[in-house]
Amino acid sequence: MSDTNTTDLKIYSLVCTQFKRYLHFSTMPNPKGNPENLKNFTTEREEPLSTTISFRATEKMKEEVKSKEDPPEFCRRAIQEALDKDNNKD
C-alpha cells in the first residue's frame, strides 16, 4: 500500500471516529436536564392552551397548513372563526 493510501485511510478512520462521537453526544440527553424547561410557562392569552386536538385531514390540506408561517396559530384562528360563525347563526 502506498503512503498516500495509508494517509487517506488514517484520515478516513479519524473522520469516522469523530462523526460517531458527534452522533453519540448530539443525540444523548443532558443528564442534568435543561434549566429553561424548569421555568414556569407564561402566556398573554385570555385562556391558556391546556389541551390538544387531533383530527384527520387530506394530504393536500396538511401540506397547505404546514406551508403557513405559524401552522398551529393558523389552525386555532380557523377553528375559532368557524365556531364564531356557527354561534352567530343560532
PDB file of N, CA and C in Angstrom:
ATOM      1  N   MET A   1       0.842  -1.169   0.000  1.00  0.00           N
ATOM      2  CA  MET A   1       0.000   0.000   0.000  1.00  0.00           C
ATOM      3  C   MET A   1       0.893   1.240   0.000  1.00  0.00           C
ATOM      4  N   SER A   2       0.540   2.238  -0.779  1.00  0.00           N
ATOM      5  CA  SER A   2       1.366   3.437  -0.862  1.00  0.00           C
ATOM      6  C   SER A   2       1.104   4.343   0.336  1.00  0.00           C
ATOM      7  N   ASP A   3       2.012   5.302   0.531  1.00  0.00           N
ATOM      8  CA  ASP A   3       1.871   6.239   1.646  1.00  0.00           C
ATOM      9  C   ASP A   3       0.605   7.081   1.514  1.00  0.00           C
ATOM     10  N   THR A   4       0.233   7.417   0.272  1.00  0.00           N
ATOM     11  CA  THR A   4      -0.968   8.222   0.041  1.00  0.00           C
ATOM     12  C   THR A   4      -2.208   7.460   0.483  1.00  0.00           C
ATOM     13  N   ASN A   5      -2.294   6.195   0.115  1.00  0.00           N
ATOM     14  CA  ASN A   5      -3.435   5.381   0.506  1.00  0.00           C
ATOM     15  C   ASN A   5      -3.492   5.192   2.019  1.00  0.00           C
ATOM     16  N   THR A   6      -2.351   5.004   2.644  1.00  0.00           N
ATOM     17  CA  THR A   6      -2.302   4.839   4.091  1.00  0.00           C
ATOM     18  C   THR A   6      -2.754   6.123   4.785  1.00  0.00           C
ATOM     19  N   THR A   7      -2.288   7.256   4.293  1.00  0.00           N
ATOM     20  CA  THR A   7      -2.680   8.548   4.861  1.00  0.00           C
ATOM     21  C   THR A   7      -4.176   8.772   4.681  1.00  0.00           C
ATOM     22  N   ASP A   8      -4.697   8.478   3.493  1.00  0.00           N
ATOM     23  CA  ASP A   8      -6.121   8.632   3.234  1.00  0.00           C
ATOM     24  C   ASP A   8      -6.940   7.739   4.162  1.00  0.00           C
ATOM     25  N   LEU A   9      -6.469   6.518   4.382  1.00  0.00           N
ATOM     26  CA  LEU A   9      -7.165   5.587   5.259  1.00  0.00           C
ATOM     27  C   LEU A   9      -7.174   6.084   6.702  1.00  0.00           C
ATOM     28  N   LYS A  10      -6.039   6.650   7.150  1.00  0.00           N
ATOM     29  CA  LYS A  10      -5.965   7.187   8.507  1.00  0.00           C
ATOM     30  C   LYS A  10      -6.911   8.383   8.665  1.00  0.00           C
ATOM     31  N   ILE A  11      -6.955   9.241   7.660  1.00  0.00           N
ATOM     32  CA  ILE A  11      -7.841  10.410   7.709  1.00  0.00           C
ATOM     33  C   ILE A  11      -9.294   9.948   7.718  1.00  0.00           C
ATOM     34  N   TYR A  12      -9.617   8.991   6.882  1.00  0.00           N
ATOM     35  CA  TYR A  12     -10.983   8.459   6.814  1.00  0.00           C
ATOM     36  C   TYR A  12     -11.370   7.858   8.159  1.00  0.00           C
ATOM     37  N   SER A  13     -10.473   7.099   8.756  1.00  0.00           N
ATOM     38  CA  SER A  13     -10.737   6.467  10.047  1.00  0.00           C
ATOM     39  C   SER A  13     -10.958   7.525  11.125  1.00  0.00           C
ATOM     40  N   LEU A  14     -10.156   8.580  11.121  1.00  0.00           N
ATOM     41  CA  LEU A  14     -10.292   9.654  12.098  1.00  0.00           C
ATOM     42  C   LEU A  14     -11.625  10.377  11.923  1.00  0.00           C
ATOM     43  N   VAL A  15     -11.990  10.663  10.682  1.00  0.00           N
ATOM     44  CA  VAL A  15     -13.258  11.341  10.407  1.00  0.00           C
ATOM     45  C   VAL A  15     -14.424  10.479  10.879  1.00  0.00           C
ATOM     46  N   CYS A  16     -14.386   9.185  10.597  1.00  0.00           N
ATOM     47  CA  CYS A  16     -15.456   8.279  11.030  1.00  0.00           C
ATOM     48  C   CYS A  16     -15.566   8.249  12.549  1.00  0.00           C
ATOM     49  N   THR A  17     -14.438   8.196  13.232  1.00  0.00           N
ATOM     50  CA  THR A  17     -14.437   8.170  14.691  1.00  0.00           C
ATOM     51  C   THR A  17     -15.031   9.452  15.247  1.00  0.00           C
ATOM     52  N   GLN A  18     -14.625  10.595  14.698  1.00  0.00           N
ATOM     53  CA  GLN A  18     -15.146  11.882  15.170  1.00  0.00           C
ATOM     54  C   GLN A  18     -16.647  11.989  14.905  1.00  0.00           C
ATOM     55  N   PHE A  19     -17.085  11.496  13.761  1.00  0.00           N
ATOM     56  CA  PHE A  19     -18.505  11.558  13.419  1.00  0.00           C
ATOM     57  C   PHE A  19     -19.323  10.680  14.368  1.00  0.00           C
ATOM     58  N   LYS A  20     -18.807   9.494  14.696  1.00  0.00           N
ATOM     59  CA  LYS A  20     -19.504   8.613  15.637  1.00  0.00           C
ATOM     60  C   LYS A  20     -19.630   9.284  16.999  1.00  0.00           C
ATOM     61  N   ARG A  21     -18.563   9.953  17.444  1.00  0.00           N
ATOM     62  CA  ARG A  21     -18.622  10.665  18.719  1.00  0.00           C
ATOM     63  C   ARG A  21     -19.655  11.786  18.644  1.00  0.00           C
ATOM     64  N   TYR A  22     -19.668  12.510  17.546  1.00  0.00           N
ATOM     65  CA  TYR A  22     -20.634  13.594  17.366  1.00  0.00           C
ATOM     66  C   TYR A  22     -22.056  13.056  17.450  1.00  0.00           C
ATOM     67  N   LEU A  23     -22.326  11.960  16.744  1.00  0.00           N
ATOM     68  CA  LEU A  23     -23.668  11.384  16.776  1.00  0.00           C
ATOM     69  C   LEU A  23     -24.040  10.931  18.178  1.00  0.00           C
ATOM     70  N   HIS A  24     -23.094  10.335  18.870  1.00  0.00           N
ATOM     71  CA  HIS A  24     -23.371   9.843  20.216  1.00  0.00           C
ATOM     72  C   HIS A  24     -23.718  10.988  21.155  1.00  0.00           C
ATOM     73  N   PHE A  25     -22.909  12.041  21.150  1.00  0.00           N
ATOM     74  CA  PHE A  25     -23.127  13.129  22.088  1.00  0.00           C
ATOM     75  C   PHE A  25     -24.237  14.072  21.649  1.00  0.00           C
ATOM     76  N   SER A  26     -24.496  14.173  20.361  1.00  0.00           N
ATOM     77  CA  SER A  26     -25.549  15.084  19.921  1.00  0.00           C
ATOM     78  C   SER A  26     -26.936  14.489  20.143  1.00  0.00           C
ATOM     79  N   THR A  27     -27.028  13.167  20.255  1.00  0.00           N
ATOM     80  CA  THR A  27     -28.330  12.547  20.466  1.00  0.00           C
ATOM     81  C   THR A  27     -28.538  12.119  21.915  1.00  0.00           C
ATOM     82  N   MET A  28     -27.507  12.221  22.721  1.00  0.00           N
ATOM     83  CA  MET A  28     -27.600  11.810  24.111  1.00  0.00           C
ATOM     84  C   MET A  28     -28.217  12.943  24.928  1.00  0.00           C
ATOM     85  N   PRO A  29     -29.233  12.656  25.757  1.00  0.00           N
ATOM     86  CA  PRO A  29     -29.834  13.722  26.556  1.00  0.00           C
ATOM     87  C   PRO A  29     -28.874  14.226  27.625  1.00  0.00           C
ATOM     88  N   ASN A  30     -29.038  15.466  27.992  1.00  0.00           N
ATOM     89  CA  ASN A  30     -28.225  16.057  29.039  1.00  0.00           C
ATOM     90  C   ASN A  30     -28.678  15.477  30.380  1.00  0.00           C
ATOM     91  N   PRO A  31     -27.807  14.794  31.122  1.00  0.00           N
ATOM     92  CA  PRO A  31     -28.221  14.177  32.380  1.00  0.00           C
ATOM     93  C   PRO A  31     -28.670  15.188  33.434  1.00  0.00           C
ATOM     94  N   LYS A  32     -28.214  16.423  33.329  1.00  0.00           N
ATOM     95  CA  LYS A  32     -28.611  17.451  34.295  1.00  0.00           C
ATOM     96  C   LYS A  32     -29.892  18.156  33.863  1.00  0.00           C
ATOM     97  N   GLY A  33     -30.389  17.843  32.677  1.00  0.00           N
ATOM     98  CA  GLY A  33     -31.609  18.473  32.191  1.00  0.00           C
ATOM     99  C   GLY A  33     -31.344  19.856  31.615  1.00  0.00           C
ATOM    100  N   ASN A  34     -32.392  20.478  31.162  1.00  0.00           N
ATOM    101  CA  ASN A  34     -32.292  21.812  30.597  1.00  0.00           C
ATOM    102  C   ASN A  34     -32.976  22.773  31.572  1.00  0.00           C
ATOM    103  N   PRO A  35     -32.237  23.681  32.212  1.00  0.00           N
ATOM    104  CA  PRO A  35     -32.843  24.577  33.205  1.00  0.00           C
ATOM    105  C   PRO A  35     -33.979  25.426  32.640  1.00  0.00           C
ATOM    106  N   GLU A  36     -33.945  25.716  31.360  1.00  0.00           N
ATOM    107  CA  GLU A  36     -35.009  26.515  30.759  1.00  0.00           C
ATOM    108  C   GLU A  36     -36.344  25.778  30.807  1.00  0.00           C
ATOM    109  N   ASN A  37     -36.305  24.451  30.818  1.00  0.00           N
ATOM    110  CA  ASN A  37     -37.536  23.671  30.886  1.00  0.00           C
ATOM    111  C   ASN A  37     -38.194  23.772  32.261  1.00  0.00           C
ATOM    112  N   LEU A  38     -37.456  24.169  33.263  1.00  0.00           N
ATOM    113  CA  LEU A  38     -37.988  24.236  34.615  1.00  0.00           C
ATOM    114  C   LEU A  38     -38.700  25.558  34.899  1.00  0.00           C
ATOM    115  N   LYS A  39     -38.508  26.540  34.018  1.00  0.00           N
ATOM    116  CA  LYS A  39     -39.162  27.830  34.211  1.00  0.00           C
ATOM    117  C   LYS A  39     -40.658  27.687  33.983  1.00  0.00           C
ATOM    118  N   ASN A  40     -41.437  28.467  34.737  1.00  0.00           N
ATOM    119  CA  ASN A  40     -42.880  28.462  34.538  1.00  0.00           C
ATOM    120  C   ASN A  40     -43.214  29.069  33.185  1.00  0.00           C
ATOM    121  N   PHE A  41     -44.120  28.437  32.480  1.00  0.00           N
ATOM    122  CA  PHE A  41     -44.557  28.914  31.175  1.00  0.00           C
ATOM    123  C   PHE A  41     -45.597  30.004  31.382  1.00  0.00           C
ATOM    124  N   THR A  42     -45.413  31.122  30.719  1.00  0.00           N
ATOM    125  CA  THR A  42     -46.397  32.201  30.815  1.00  0.00           C
ATOM    126  C   THR A  42     -46.954  32.492  29.440  1.00  0.00           C
ATOM    127  N   THR A  43     -48.172  33.012  29.411  1.00  0.00           N
ATOM    128  CA  THR A  43     -48.817  33.334  28.154  1.00  0.00           C
ATOM    129  C   THR A  43     -49.599  34.629  28.311  1.00  0.00           C
ATOM    130  N   GLU A  44     -49.782  35.327  27.230  1.00  0.00           N
ATOM    131  CA  GLU A  44     -50.564  36.558  27.243  1.00  0.00           C
ATOM    132  C   GLU A  44     -51.989  36.305  26.753  1.00  0.00           C
ATOM    133  N   ARG A  45     -52.351  35.059  26.570  1.00  0.00           N
ATOM    134  CA  ARG A  45     -53.691  34.704  26.103  1.00  0.00           C
ATOM    135  C   ARG A  45     -54.709  34.851  27.223  1.00  0.00           C
ATOM    136  N   GLU A  46     -55.964  35.118  26.834  1.00  0.00           N
ATOM    137  CA  GLU A  46     -57.046  35.188  27.816  1.00  0.00           C
ATOM    138  C   GLU A  46     -57.230  33.827  28.484  1.00  0.00           C
ATOM    139  N   GLU A  47     -57.185  32.767  27.681  1.00  0.00           N
ATOM    140  CA  GLU A  47     -57.290  31.405  28.197  1.00  0.00           C
ATOM    141  C   GLU A  47     -56.029  30.641  27.791  1.00  0.00           C
ATOM    142  N   PRO A  48     -55.417  29.921  28.723  1.00  0.00           N
ATOM    143  CA  PRO A  48     -54.210  29.156  28.370  1.00  0.00           C
ATOM    144  C   PRO A  48     -54.533  27.994  27.436  1.00  0.00           C
ATOM    145  N   LEU A  49     -53.578  27.617  26.648  1.00  0.00           N
ATOM    146  CA  LEU A  49     -53.724  26.470  25.746  1.00  0.00           C
ATOM    147  C   LEU A  49     -53.369  25.223  26.540  1.00  0.00           C
ATOM    148  N   SER A  50     -54.386  24.565  27.079  1.00  0.00           N
ATOM    149  CA  SER A  50     -54.135  23.465  28.006  1.00  0.00           C
ATOM    150  C   SER A  50     -54.503  22.086  27.465  1.00  0.00           C
ATOM    151  N   THR A  51     -55.011  22.011  26.234  1.00  0.00           N
ATOM    152  CA  THR A  51     -55.392  20.709  25.696  1.00  0.00           C
ATOM    153  C   THR A  51     -55.031  20.639  24.214  1.00  0.00           C
ATOM    154  N   THR A  52     -55.092  19.439  23.668  1.00  0.00           N
ATOM    155  CA  THR A  52     -54.771  19.260  22.251  1.00  0.00           C
ATOM    156  C   THR A  52     -55.963  18.667  21.511  1.00  0.00           C
ATOM    157  N   ILE A  53     -55.967  18.878  20.202  1.00  0.00           N
ATOM    158  CA  ILE A  53     -56.994  18.312  19.325  1.00  0.00           C
ATOM    159  C   ILE A  53     -56.263  17.581  18.207  1.00  0.00           C
ATOM    160  N   SER A  54     -56.764  16.422  17.841  1.00  0.00           N
ATOM    161  CA  SER A  54     -56.182  15.658  16.748  1.00  0.00           C
ATOM    162  C   SER A  54     -57.305  15.258  15.808  1.00  0.00           C
ATOM    163  N   PHE A  55     -57.107  15.460  14.510  1.00  0.00           N
ATOM    164  CA  PHE A  55     -58.136  15.082  13.544  1.00  0.00           C
ATOM    165  C   PHE A  55     -57.486  14.702  12.222  1.00  0.00           C
ATOM    166  N   ARG A  56     -58.244  14.019  11.392  1.00  0.00           N
ATOM    167  CA  ARG A  56     -57.740  13.578  10.090  1.00  0.00           C
ATOM    168  C   ARG A  56     -57.995  14.662   9.049  1.00  0.00           C
ATOM    169  N   ALA A  57     -57.082  14.752   8.102  1.00  0.00           N
ATOM    170  CA  ALA A  57     -57.194  15.722   7.011  1.00  0.00           C
ATOM    171  C   ALA A  57     -56.584  15.105   5.762  1.00  0.00           C
ATOM    172  N   THR A  58     -56.847  15.727   4.623  1.00  0.00           N
ATOM    173  CA  THR A  58     -56.244  15.237   3.384  1.00  0.00           C
ATOM    174  C   THR A  58     -54.775  15.643   3.352  1.00  0.00           C
ATOM    175  N   GLU A  59     -54.019  14.965   2.535  1.00  0.00           N
ATOM    176  CA  GLU A  59     -52.597  15.285   2.397  1.00  0.00           C
ATOM    177  C   GLU A  59     -52.426  16.717   1.884  1.00  0.00           C
ATOM    178  N   LYS A  60     -53.302  17.133   0.974  1.00  0.00           N
ATOM    179  CA  LYS A  60     -53.230  18.487   0.421  1.00  0.00           C
ATOM    180  C   LYS A  60     -53.460  19.523   1.524  1.00  0.00           C
ATOM    181  N   MET A  61     -54.474  19.287   2.385  1.00  0.00           N
ATOM    182  CA  MET A  61     -54.735  20.210   3.491  1.00  0.00           C
ATOM    183  C   MET A  61     -53.524  20.290   4.422  1.00  0.00           C
ATOM    184  N   LYS A  62     -52.945  19.143   4.729  1.00  0.00           N
ATOM    185  CA  LYS A  62     -51.790  19.098   5.619  1.00  0.00           C
ATOM    186  C   LYS A  62     -50.637  19.926   5.066  1.00  0.00           C
ATOM    187  N   GLU A  63     -50.351  19.755   3.783  1.00  0.00           N
ATOM    188  CA  GLU A  63     -49.249  20.486   3.165  1.00  0.00           C
ATOM    189  C   GLU A  63     -49.516  21.987   3.138  1.00  0.00           C
ATOM    190  N   GLU A  64     -50.759  22.378   2.869  1.00  0.00           N
ATOM    191  CA  GLU A  64     -51.095  23.797   2.844  1.00  0.00           C
ATOM    192  C   GLU A  64     -50.954  24.418   4.231  1.00  0.00           C
ATOM    193  N   VAL A  65     -51.405  23.699   5.251  1.00  0.00           N
ATOM    194  CA  VAL A  65     -51.287  24.211   6.619  1.00  0.00           C
ATOM    195  C   VAL A  65     -49.817  24.311   7.019  1.00  0.00           C
ATOM    196  N   LYS A  66     -49.029  23.287   6.704  1.00  0.00           N
ATOM    197  CA  LYS A  66     -47.614  23.288   7.060  1.00  0.00           C
ATOM    198  C   LYS A  66     -46.849  24.411   6.371  1.00  0.00           C
ATOM    199  N   SER A  67     -47.362  24.888   5.220  1.00  0.00           N
ATOM    200  CA  SER A  67     -46.663  25.946   4.499  1.00  0.00           C
ATOM    201  C   SER A  67     -46.894  27.326   5.111  1.00  0.00           C
ATOM    202  N   LYS A  68     -47.828  27.433   6.044  1.00  0.00           N
ATOM    203  CA  LYS A  68     -48.104  28.711   6.708  1.00  0.00           C
ATOM    204  C   LYS A  68     -46.965  29.075   7.642  1.00  0.00           C
ATOM    205  N   GLU A  69     -46.849  30.369   7.940  1.00  0.00           N
ATOM    206  CA  GLU A  69     -45.769  30.850   8.792  1.00  0.00           C
ATOM    207  C   GLU A  69     -45.844  30.243  10.199  1.00  0.00           C
ATOM    208  N   ASP A  70     -47.044  30.179  10.772  1.00  0.00           N
ATOM    209  CA  ASP A  70     -47.258  29.615  12.113  1.00  0.00           C
ATOM    210  C   ASP A  70     -48.438  28.650  12.044  1.00  0.00           C
ATOM    211  N   PRO A  71     -48.202  27.392  11.614  1.00  0.00           N
ATOM    212  CA  PRO A  71     -49.303  26.441  11.414  1.00  0.00           C
ATOM    213  C   PRO A  71     -50.236  26.261  12.618  1.00  0.00           C
ATOM    214  N   PRO A  72     -49.734  26.117  13.850  1.00  0.00           N
ATOM    215  CA  PRO A  72     -50.669  25.936  14.965  1.00  0.00           C
ATOM    216  C   PRO A  72     -51.595  27.140  15.157  1.00  0.00           C
ATOM    217  N   GLU A  73     -51.042  28.339  15.060  1.00  0.00           N
ATOM    218  CA  GLU A  73     -51.863  29.530  15.236  1.00  0.00           C
ATOM    219  C   GLU A  73     -52.857  29.678  14.091  1.00  0.00           C
ATOM    220  N   PHE A  74     -52.435  29.309  12.886  1.00  0.00           N
ATOM    221  CA  PHE A  74     -53.339  29.340  11.740  1.00  0.00           C
ATOM    222  C   PHE A  74     -54.544  28.431  11.990  1.00  0.00           C
ATOM    223  N   CYS A  75     -54.294  27.225  12.501  1.00  0.00           N
ATOM    224  CA  CYS A  75     -55.384  26.273  12.786  1.00  0.00           C
ATOM    225  C   CYS A  75     -56.288  26.791  13.894  1.00  0.00           C
ATOM    226  N   ARG A  76     -55.688  27.361  14.949  1.00  0.00           N
ATOM    227  CA  ARG A  76     -56.506  27.898  16.036  1.00  0.00           C
ATOM    228  C   ARG A  76     -57.420  29.014  15.536  1.00  0.00           C
ATOM    229  N   ARG A  77     -56.872  29.922  14.712  1.00  0.00           N
ATOM    230  CA  ARG A  77     -57.690  31.018  14.167  1.00  0.00           C
ATOM    231  C   ARG A  77     -58.810  30.498  13.292  1.00  0.00           C
ATOM    232  N   ALA A  78     -58.503  29.521  12.419  1.00  0.00           N
ATOM    233  CA  ALA A  78     -59.509  28.972  11.506  1.00  0.00           C
ATOM    234  C   ALA A  78     -60.632  28.292  12.288  1.00  0.00           C
ATOM    235  N   ILE A  79     -60.284  27.537  13.310  1.00  0.00           N
ATOM    236  CA  ILE A  79     -61.299  26.859  14.113  1.00  0.00           C
ATOM    237  C   ILE A  79     -62.133  27.882  14.873  1.00  0.00           C
ATOM    238  N   GLN A  80     -61.487  28.891  15.443  1.00  0.00           N
ATOM    239  CA  GLN A  80     -62.229  29.909  16.189  1.00  0.00           C
ATOM    240  C   GLN A  80     -63.179  30.683  15.273  1.00  0.00           C
ATOM    241  N   GLU A  81     -62.726  31.007  14.053  1.00  0.00           N
ATOM    242  CA  GLU A  81     -63.598  31.702  13.094  1.00  0.00           C
ATOM    243  C   GLU A  81     -64.812  30.845  12.740  1.00  0.00           C
ATOM    244  N   ALA A  82     -64.606  29.550  12.544  1.00  0.00           N
ATOM    245  CA  ALA A  82     -65.714  28.649  12.220  1.00  0.00           C
ATOM    246  C   ALA A  82     -66.679  28.537  13.406  1.00  0.00           C
ATOM    247  N   LEU A  83     -66.155  28.469  14.628  1.00  0.00           N
ATOM    248  CA  LEU A  83     -67.001  28.405  15.814  1.00  0.00           C
ATOM    249  C   LEU A  83     -67.808  29.696  15.978  1.00  0.00           C
ATOM    250  N   ASP A  84     -67.156  30.829  15.781  1.00  0.00           N
ATOM    251  CA  ASP A  84     -67.858  32.119  15.878  1.00  0.00           C
ATOM    252  C   ASP A  84     -68.959  32.223  14.826  1.00  0.00           C
ATOM    253  N   LYS A  85     -68.658  31.772  13.639  1.00  0.00           N
ATOM    254  CA  LYS A  85     -69.643  31.805  12.540  1.00  0.00           C
ATOM    255  C   LYS A  85     -70.852  30.932  12.892  1.00  0.00           C
ATOM    256  N   ASP A  86     -70.607  29.731  13.421  1.00  0.00           N
ATOM    257  CA  ASP A  86     -71.693  28.832  13.820  1.00  0.00           C
ATOM    258  C   ASP A  86     -72.512  29.429  14.969  1.00  0.00           C
ATOM    259  N   ASN A  87     -71.843  30.066  15.912  1.00  0.00           N
ATOM    260  CA  ASN A  87     -72.551  30.667  17.052  1.00  0.00           C
ATOM    261  C   ASN A  87     -73.417  31.838  16.622  1.00  0.00           C
ATOM    262  N   ASN A  88     -73.014  32.582  15.599  1.00  0.00           N
ATOM    263  CA  ASN A  88     -73.776  33.722  15.112  1.00  0.00           C
ATOM    264  C   ASN A  88     -75.025  33.272  14.338  1.00  0.00           C
ATOM    265  N   LYS A  89     -75.005  32.064  13.789  1.00  0.00           N
ATOM    266  CA  LYS A  89     -76.166  31.537  13.044  1.00  0.00           C
ATOM    267  C   LYS A  89     -77.317  31.213  13.999  1.00  0.00           C
ATOM    268  N   ASP A  90     -76.991  30.824  15.230  1.00  0.00           N
ATOM    269  CA  ASP A  90     -78.026  30.401  16.196  1.00  0.00           C
ATOM    270  C   ASP A  90     -78.877  31.533  16.663  1.00  0.00           C
TER     271      ASP A  90
END
